[in-house]
N, C-alpha and C. Protein backbone atom coordinates (compact mmCIF):
# COMPACT_ATOMS: atom_id res chain seq x y z
N MET A 1 -31.38 38.40 -1.46
CA MET A 1 -31.07 39.55 -0.43
C MET A 1 -30.39 40.62 -0.88
N ALA A 2 -29.24 40.40 -1.64
CA ALA A 2 -28.62 41.44 -2.32
C ALA A 2 -29.43 42.64 -2.91
N TYR A 3 -30.48 42.17 -3.60
CA TYR A 3 -31.36 43.17 -4.18
C TYR A 3 -32.14 43.82 -3.00
N PHE A 4 -32.47 43.40 -2.01
CA PHE A 4 -33.12 43.79 -0.71
C PHE A 4 -32.18 45.05 -0.28
N ASN A 5 -30.91 44.63 -0.04
CA ASN A 5 -30.00 45.57 0.59
C ASN A 5 -29.71 46.64 -0.28
N PHE A 6 -29.12 46.56 -1.46
CA PHE A 6 -28.57 47.37 -2.25
C PHE A 6 -29.09 47.64 -3.39
N GLY A 7 -30.35 47.13 -3.89
CA GLY A 7 -31.16 47.41 -4.94
C GLY A 7 -30.48 47.14 -6.22
N TYR A 8 -30.51 47.99 -7.29
CA TYR A 8 -29.87 47.51 -8.58
C TYR A 8 -28.35 47.67 -8.52
N GLN A 9 -27.90 48.08 -7.32
CA GLN A 9 -26.39 48.13 -6.96
C GLN A 9 -25.76 46.90 -7.12
N MET A 10 -26.60 45.92 -6.77
CA MET A 10 -25.90 44.45 -6.80
C MET A 10 -25.33 44.07 -7.90
N LEU A 11 -25.84 44.98 -9.04
CA LEU A 11 -24.99 44.57 -10.13
C LEU A 11 -23.68 44.36 -10.21
N HIS A 12 -22.75 45.32 -9.10
CA HIS A 12 -21.43 45.58 -9.12
C HIS A 12 -20.94 44.05 -8.74
N SER A 13 -21.70 43.40 -7.99
CA SER A 13 -20.93 41.95 -7.61
C SER A 13 -21.31 41.19 -8.56
N VAL A 14 -22.42 41.15 -9.28
CA VAL A 14 -22.78 40.28 -10.41
C VAL A 14 -21.80 40.46 -11.47
N VAL A 15 -21.21 41.73 -12.12
CA VAL A 15 -20.29 41.92 -12.95
C VAL A 15 -18.91 41.59 -12.71
N CYS A 16 -18.48 41.55 -11.23
CA CYS A 16 -17.16 40.99 -10.78
C CYS A 16 -17.08 39.39 -10.66
N VAL A 17 -18.34 38.85 -10.36
CA VAL A 17 -18.43 37.45 -10.10
C VAL A 17 -18.22 36.77 -11.54
N LEU A 18 -19.05 37.50 -12.62
CA LEU A 18 -18.99 36.98 -13.96
C LEU A 18 -17.50 37.29 -14.42
N PHE A 19 -16.81 38.37 -14.14
CA PHE A 19 -15.28 38.61 -14.64
C PHE A 19 -14.58 37.53 -14.20
N GLN A 20 -14.92 37.28 -13.14
CA GLN A 20 -13.85 35.98 -12.40
C GLN A 20 -14.18 34.93 -13.06
N PHE A 21 -15.40 34.43 -13.22
CA PHE A 21 -15.70 33.14 -13.73
C PHE A 21 -15.10 32.80 -15.13
N LEU A 22 -15.09 34.09 -15.90
CA LEU A 22 -14.40 34.14 -17.25
C LEU A 22 -13.04 33.88 -17.19
N VAL A 23 -12.54 34.93 -16.52
CA VAL A 23 -10.89 34.61 -16.29
C VAL A 23 -10.47 33.35 -15.81
N LEU A 24 -11.09 32.64 -14.95
CA LEU A 24 -10.72 31.41 -14.60
C LEU A 24 -10.92 30.39 -15.59
N ARG A 25 -11.96 30.40 -16.30
CA ARG A 25 -12.57 29.47 -17.46
C ARG A 25 -11.65 29.63 -18.83
N LEU A 26 -11.18 30.98 -19.07
CA LEU A 26 -10.63 31.18 -20.15
C LEU A 26 -9.20 31.42 -19.97
N ILE A 27 -8.62 31.91 -19.08
CA ILE A 27 -7.14 32.03 -18.98
C ILE A 27 -6.52 30.85 -18.16
N GLY A 28 -7.35 30.32 -17.08
CA GLY A 28 -6.89 29.31 -16.42
C GLY A 28 -6.00 29.51 -15.30
N ARG A 29 -5.01 28.61 -15.16
CA ARG A 29 -4.23 28.44 -13.99
C ARG A 29 -2.91 29.06 -14.30
N THR A 30 -2.80 30.25 -14.31
CA THR A 30 -1.77 31.13 -14.87
C THR A 30 -1.32 32.40 -13.91
N LEU A 31 -0.11 32.80 -14.20
CA LEU A 31 -0.14 34.04 -13.37
C LEU A 31 -0.66 35.14 -13.89
N THR A 32 -0.98 34.93 -15.29
CA THR A 32 -1.75 36.07 -15.88
C THR A 32 -3.18 36.15 -15.58
N GLY A 33 -3.59 35.04 -15.12
CA GLY A 33 -5.20 34.95 -14.55
C GLY A 33 -4.97 35.80 -13.14
N ILE A 34 -3.85 35.56 -12.45
CA ILE A 34 -4.11 36.15 -11.18
C ILE A 34 -3.69 37.63 -11.28
N ALA A 35 -2.94 38.00 -12.07
CA ALA A 35 -2.88 39.57 -12.35
C ALA A 35 -3.77 40.02 -12.89
N ALA A 36 -4.41 39.34 -13.91
CA ALA A 36 -5.92 39.96 -14.36
C ALA A 36 -6.92 40.28 -13.26
N THR A 37 -6.87 39.10 -12.53
CA THR A 37 -7.95 39.16 -11.48
C THR A 37 -7.64 40.31 -10.44
N PHE A 38 -6.43 40.31 -9.91
CA PHE A 38 -5.94 41.26 -8.88
C PHE A 38 -6.01 42.63 -9.76
N LEU A 39 -5.70 43.06 -10.82
CA LEU A 39 -6.07 44.20 -11.21
C LEU A 39 -7.52 44.84 -11.41
N PHE A 40 -8.21 43.81 -12.09
CA PHE A 40 -9.36 44.39 -12.36
C PHE A 40 -10.37 44.51 -11.08
N GLN A 41 -10.23 43.61 -10.10
CA GLN A 41 -11.06 43.59 -8.95
C GLN A 41 -10.35 45.03 -8.25
N MET A 42 -9.48 45.10 -7.78
CA MET A 42 -8.97 46.21 -7.04
C MET A 42 -9.52 47.69 -7.78
N VAL A 43 -9.04 47.56 -9.20
CA VAL A 43 -9.45 49.01 -9.98
C VAL A 43 -10.96 49.10 -9.66
N TYR A 44 -11.67 48.02 -9.95
CA TYR A 44 -13.18 48.09 -9.62
C TYR A 44 -13.56 48.81 -8.15
N LEU A 45 -12.94 48.25 -7.31
CA LEU A 45 -13.19 48.58 -5.92
C LEU A 45 -12.71 49.91 -5.64
N LEU A 46 -11.55 50.31 -6.18
CA LEU A 46 -11.19 51.67 -5.98
C LEU A 46 -11.83 52.82 -6.75
N ALA A 47 -12.55 52.49 -7.96
CA ALA A 47 -13.34 53.26 -8.53
C ALA A 47 -14.53 53.47 -7.80
N GLY A 48 -15.34 52.40 -7.38
CA GLY A 48 -16.23 52.34 -6.53
C GLY A 48 -16.08 53.38 -5.33
N TYR A 49 -15.03 53.14 -4.65
CA TYR A 49 -14.67 54.22 -3.38
C TYR A 49 -14.65 55.68 -3.89
N TYR A 50 -13.95 55.72 -5.07
CA TYR A 50 -13.79 57.23 -5.31
C TYR A 50 -15.28 57.79 -5.98
N TYR A 51 -16.09 56.93 -6.69
CA TYR A 51 -17.42 57.71 -6.74
C TYR A 51 -18.31 57.80 -6.03
N THR A 52 -18.30 57.16 -4.92
CA THR A 52 -19.14 57.17 -3.98
C THR A 52 -18.70 57.71 -2.62
N ALA A 53 -17.44 58.33 -2.52
CA ALA A 53 -16.98 59.25 -1.62
C ALA A 53 -17.88 60.12 -1.18
N THR A 54 -18.24 60.34 0.27
CA THR A 54 -18.83 61.45 0.83
C THR A 54 -18.35 61.61 2.29
N ASP A 55 -18.63 62.68 2.80
CA ASP A 55 -17.82 63.54 4.20
C ASP A 55 -18.50 62.74 5.17
N GLN A 56 -19.45 61.79 5.05
CA GLN A 56 -20.44 61.10 6.12
C GLN A 56 -19.80 59.64 6.19
N TYR A 57 -20.35 59.00 7.04
CA TYR A 57 -20.20 57.46 7.10
C TYR A 57 -21.40 56.80 6.38
N ASP A 58 -21.10 56.24 5.44
CA ASP A 58 -22.28 55.67 4.58
C ASP A 58 -21.72 54.14 4.52
N ILE A 59 -23.23 53.61 4.40
CA ILE A 59 -22.95 51.94 4.12
C ILE A 59 -23.75 51.74 2.68
N LYS A 60 -22.62 51.51 1.99
CA LYS A 60 -23.11 51.33 0.45
C LYS A 60 -22.64 50.03 -0.11
N TRP A 61 -22.77 49.86 -1.22
CA TRP A 61 -22.16 48.60 -1.93
C TRP A 61 -20.79 48.47 -1.90
N THR A 62 -20.19 49.39 -1.38
CA THR A 62 -18.55 49.15 -1.48
C THR A 62 -18.12 48.29 -0.32
N MET A 63 -19.07 48.55 1.07
CA MET A 63 -18.51 47.78 1.85
C MET A 63 -18.52 46.41 1.87
N PRO A 64 -19.52 45.62 1.27
CA PRO A 64 -19.70 44.20 1.31
C PRO A 64 -18.63 44.01 -0.23
N HIS A 65 -18.40 44.74 -1.00
CA HIS A 65 -17.62 44.56 -2.01
C HIS A 65 -16.48 44.46 -1.80
N CYS A 66 -15.85 45.38 -0.87
CA CYS A 66 -14.24 44.98 -0.27
C CYS A 66 -14.18 43.53 0.08
N VAL A 67 -15.03 42.78 0.76
CA VAL A 67 -14.86 41.43 1.16
C VAL A 67 -15.07 40.75 -0.01
N LEU A 68 -15.86 40.85 -1.16
CA LEU A 68 -15.88 40.20 -2.43
C LEU A 68 -14.63 40.23 -3.05
N THR A 69 -14.10 41.41 -3.17
CA THR A 69 -13.04 41.57 -3.82
C THR A 69 -11.76 40.61 -3.17
N LEU A 70 -11.62 40.50 -2.01
CA LEU A 70 -10.73 39.79 -1.38
C LEU A 70 -11.00 38.17 -1.51
N LYS A 71 -12.40 37.89 -1.64
CA LYS A 71 -12.56 36.58 -1.95
C LYS A 71 -12.43 36.13 -3.17
N LEU A 72 -12.56 36.88 -4.10
CA LEU A 72 -12.33 36.60 -5.63
C LEU A 72 -10.83 36.72 -6.03
N ILE A 73 -9.93 37.21 -5.22
CA ILE A 73 -8.65 37.40 -5.49
C ILE A 73 -8.12 35.99 -4.79
N GLY A 74 -8.65 35.78 -3.62
CA GLY A 74 -8.11 34.51 -3.02
C GLY A 74 -8.85 33.27 -3.83
N LEU A 75 -9.81 33.50 -4.50
CA LEU A 75 -10.29 32.15 -5.22
C LEU A 75 -9.27 31.92 -6.35
N SER A 76 -8.67 33.12 -6.87
CA SER A 76 -7.76 32.95 -8.17
C SER A 76 -6.73 32.43 -7.50
N LEU A 77 -6.01 32.93 -6.25
CA LEU A 77 -4.82 32.22 -6.23
C LEU A 77 -5.22 30.75 -5.53
N ASP A 78 -6.04 30.23 -5.16
CA ASP A 78 -6.34 29.11 -4.68
C ASP A 78 -6.36 27.98 -6.03
N TYR A 79 -7.12 28.48 -7.02
CA TYR A 79 -7.33 27.88 -8.13
C TYR A 79 -5.90 27.61 -8.83
N TYR A 80 -5.09 28.67 -8.94
CA TYR A 80 -3.89 28.54 -9.18
C TYR A 80 -2.87 27.73 -8.38
N ASP A 81 -2.96 27.82 -7.13
CA ASP A 81 -2.30 26.85 -6.29
C ASP A 81 -2.66 25.08 -6.67
N GLY A 82 -3.87 25.12 -7.03
CA GLY A 82 -4.38 23.68 -7.08
C GLY A 82 -4.06 22.79 -8.08
N GLY A 83 -3.03 23.48 -9.10
CA GLY A 83 -2.48 22.46 -10.00
C GLY A 83 -3.41 22.00 -10.89
N LYS A 84 -3.08 20.42 -11.25
CA LYS A 84 -4.11 19.71 -11.83
C LYS A 84 -4.24 18.31 -11.07
N ASP A 85 -4.84 18.60 -10.06
CA ASP A 85 -5.37 17.45 -9.29
C ASP A 85 -6.68 16.96 -9.74
N LYS A 86 -7.11 15.79 -9.16
CA LYS A 86 -8.51 15.17 -9.61
C LYS A 86 -9.50 16.09 -9.30
N VAL A 87 -9.60 16.59 -8.17
CA VAL A 87 -10.58 17.30 -7.52
C VAL A 87 -10.31 18.76 -7.92
N ARG A 88 -11.39 19.36 -8.80
CA ARG A 88 -11.33 20.75 -9.45
C ARG A 88 -11.79 21.70 -8.41
N LEU A 89 -11.37 22.89 -8.21
CA LEU A 89 -11.95 23.89 -7.26
C LEU A 89 -12.83 24.79 -8.02
N LEU A 90 -12.67 24.71 -9.40
CA LEU A 90 -13.72 25.49 -10.02
C LEU A 90 -14.97 24.68 -10.87
N GLY A 91 -16.02 24.92 -10.05
CA GLY A 91 -16.96 24.09 -10.68
C GLY A 91 -17.85 25.19 -11.65
N PRO A 92 -19.16 24.71 -11.68
CA PRO A 92 -20.26 25.66 -12.61
C PRO A 92 -20.12 27.04 -12.11
N LEU A 93 -20.83 27.92 -12.78
CA LEU A 93 -21.13 29.21 -12.46
C LEU A 93 -21.65 29.40 -11.12
N ASN A 94 -22.64 28.54 -10.99
CA ASN A 94 -23.46 28.58 -9.33
C ASN A 94 -22.41 28.19 -8.52
N GLY A 95 -21.60 27.30 -8.62
CA GLY A 95 -20.24 27.03 -7.54
C GLY A 95 -19.45 28.28 -7.37
N VAL A 96 -19.41 28.89 -8.04
CA VAL A 96 -18.21 30.14 -7.99
C VAL A 96 -19.12 31.12 -7.13
N THR A 97 -20.47 31.25 -7.58
CA THR A 97 -21.35 32.42 -7.16
C THR A 97 -21.56 31.84 -5.87
N GLY A 98 -21.75 30.86 -5.52
CA GLY A 98 -22.21 30.21 -3.90
C GLY A 98 -20.84 30.26 -3.04
N HIS A 99 -19.57 30.22 -3.88
CA HIS A 99 -18.36 30.36 -2.82
C HIS A 99 -18.03 31.67 -2.68
N ASP A 100 -18.45 32.75 -3.44
CA ASP A 100 -18.50 34.20 -2.82
C ASP A 100 -19.30 34.63 -2.32
N ALA A 101 -20.85 34.18 -2.44
CA ALA A 101 -21.86 34.77 -1.85
C ALA A 101 -21.94 34.48 -0.18
N TRP A 102 -21.53 33.29 -0.07
CA TRP A 102 -21.60 32.51 1.27
C TRP A 102 -20.24 32.40 2.10
N GLY A 103 -19.89 32.83 3.38
CA GLY A 103 -19.15 32.94 3.87
C GLY A 103 -18.32 31.50 4.04
N GLY A 104 -19.13 30.42 3.99
CA GLY A 104 -18.56 29.23 4.66
C GLY A 104 -18.13 28.19 3.32
N GLY A 105 -18.49 28.86 2.16
CA GLY A 105 -18.16 28.09 0.82
C GLY A 105 -16.56 27.88 0.76
N GLY A 106 -16.39 26.54 0.22
CA GLY A 106 -15.10 25.92 0.33
C GLY A 106 -14.66 25.78 -1.25
N GLY A 107 -15.25 25.92 -2.19
CA GLY A 107 -15.13 25.38 -3.65
C GLY A 107 -16.12 24.26 -3.76
N MET A 108 -16.01 23.60 -4.92
CA MET A 108 -16.67 22.47 -5.43
C MET A 108 -15.93 21.47 -6.14
N ARG A 109 -16.25 20.18 -5.81
CA ARG A 109 -15.68 19.06 -6.53
C ARG A 109 -16.10 18.96 -7.76
N GLU A 110 -15.28 18.05 -8.54
CA GLU A 110 -15.66 17.95 -10.00
C GLU A 110 -17.19 17.22 -10.07
N ASP A 111 -17.53 16.43 -9.20
CA ASP A 111 -18.94 15.87 -9.18
C ASP A 111 -20.23 16.80 -8.76
N GLY A 112 -19.71 18.15 -8.21
CA GLY A 112 -20.83 19.05 -7.99
C GLY A 112 -20.80 19.09 -6.45
N LYS A 113 -20.23 18.38 -5.63
CA LYS A 113 -20.40 18.63 -4.14
C LYS A 113 -19.25 19.38 -3.56
N GLU A 114 -19.66 19.98 -2.35
CA GLU A 114 -18.86 20.71 -1.88
C GLU A 114 -17.64 20.02 -1.17
N PHE A 115 -16.48 20.54 -1.02
CA PHE A 115 -15.39 19.71 -0.40
C PHE A 115 -15.56 19.41 1.06
N GLY A 116 -15.35 18.31 1.32
CA GLY A 116 -15.54 17.61 2.92
C GLY A 116 -16.82 17.05 2.86
N LYS A 117 -17.62 16.78 2.06
CA LYS A 117 -18.93 16.18 2.15
C LYS A 117 -18.88 15.00 1.31
């Protein structure tokens, strides 16, 4: 559906989700991970606003990307707050993508099921 709406500009979302996945996997539950997430996602969004700015009201990839930015920063904070519980917030890459692409996503347990199921 993202390709239908935005064409190849959907790659902006893919890049940010992959970056977020790598930060959570490689840096882990640290304040450095939160800072890296916040800086990268906000700079990417602000650069998108700068390069797509016009004098008219446009619906471009930056509008849903704003929501994605907030969700990815929230995911990083949730992962940090989770500590070392038995249930992990970060599942496989498709779990992170599903959490960020669907508004009702709440993370994945270690066994691959969604929370609450």
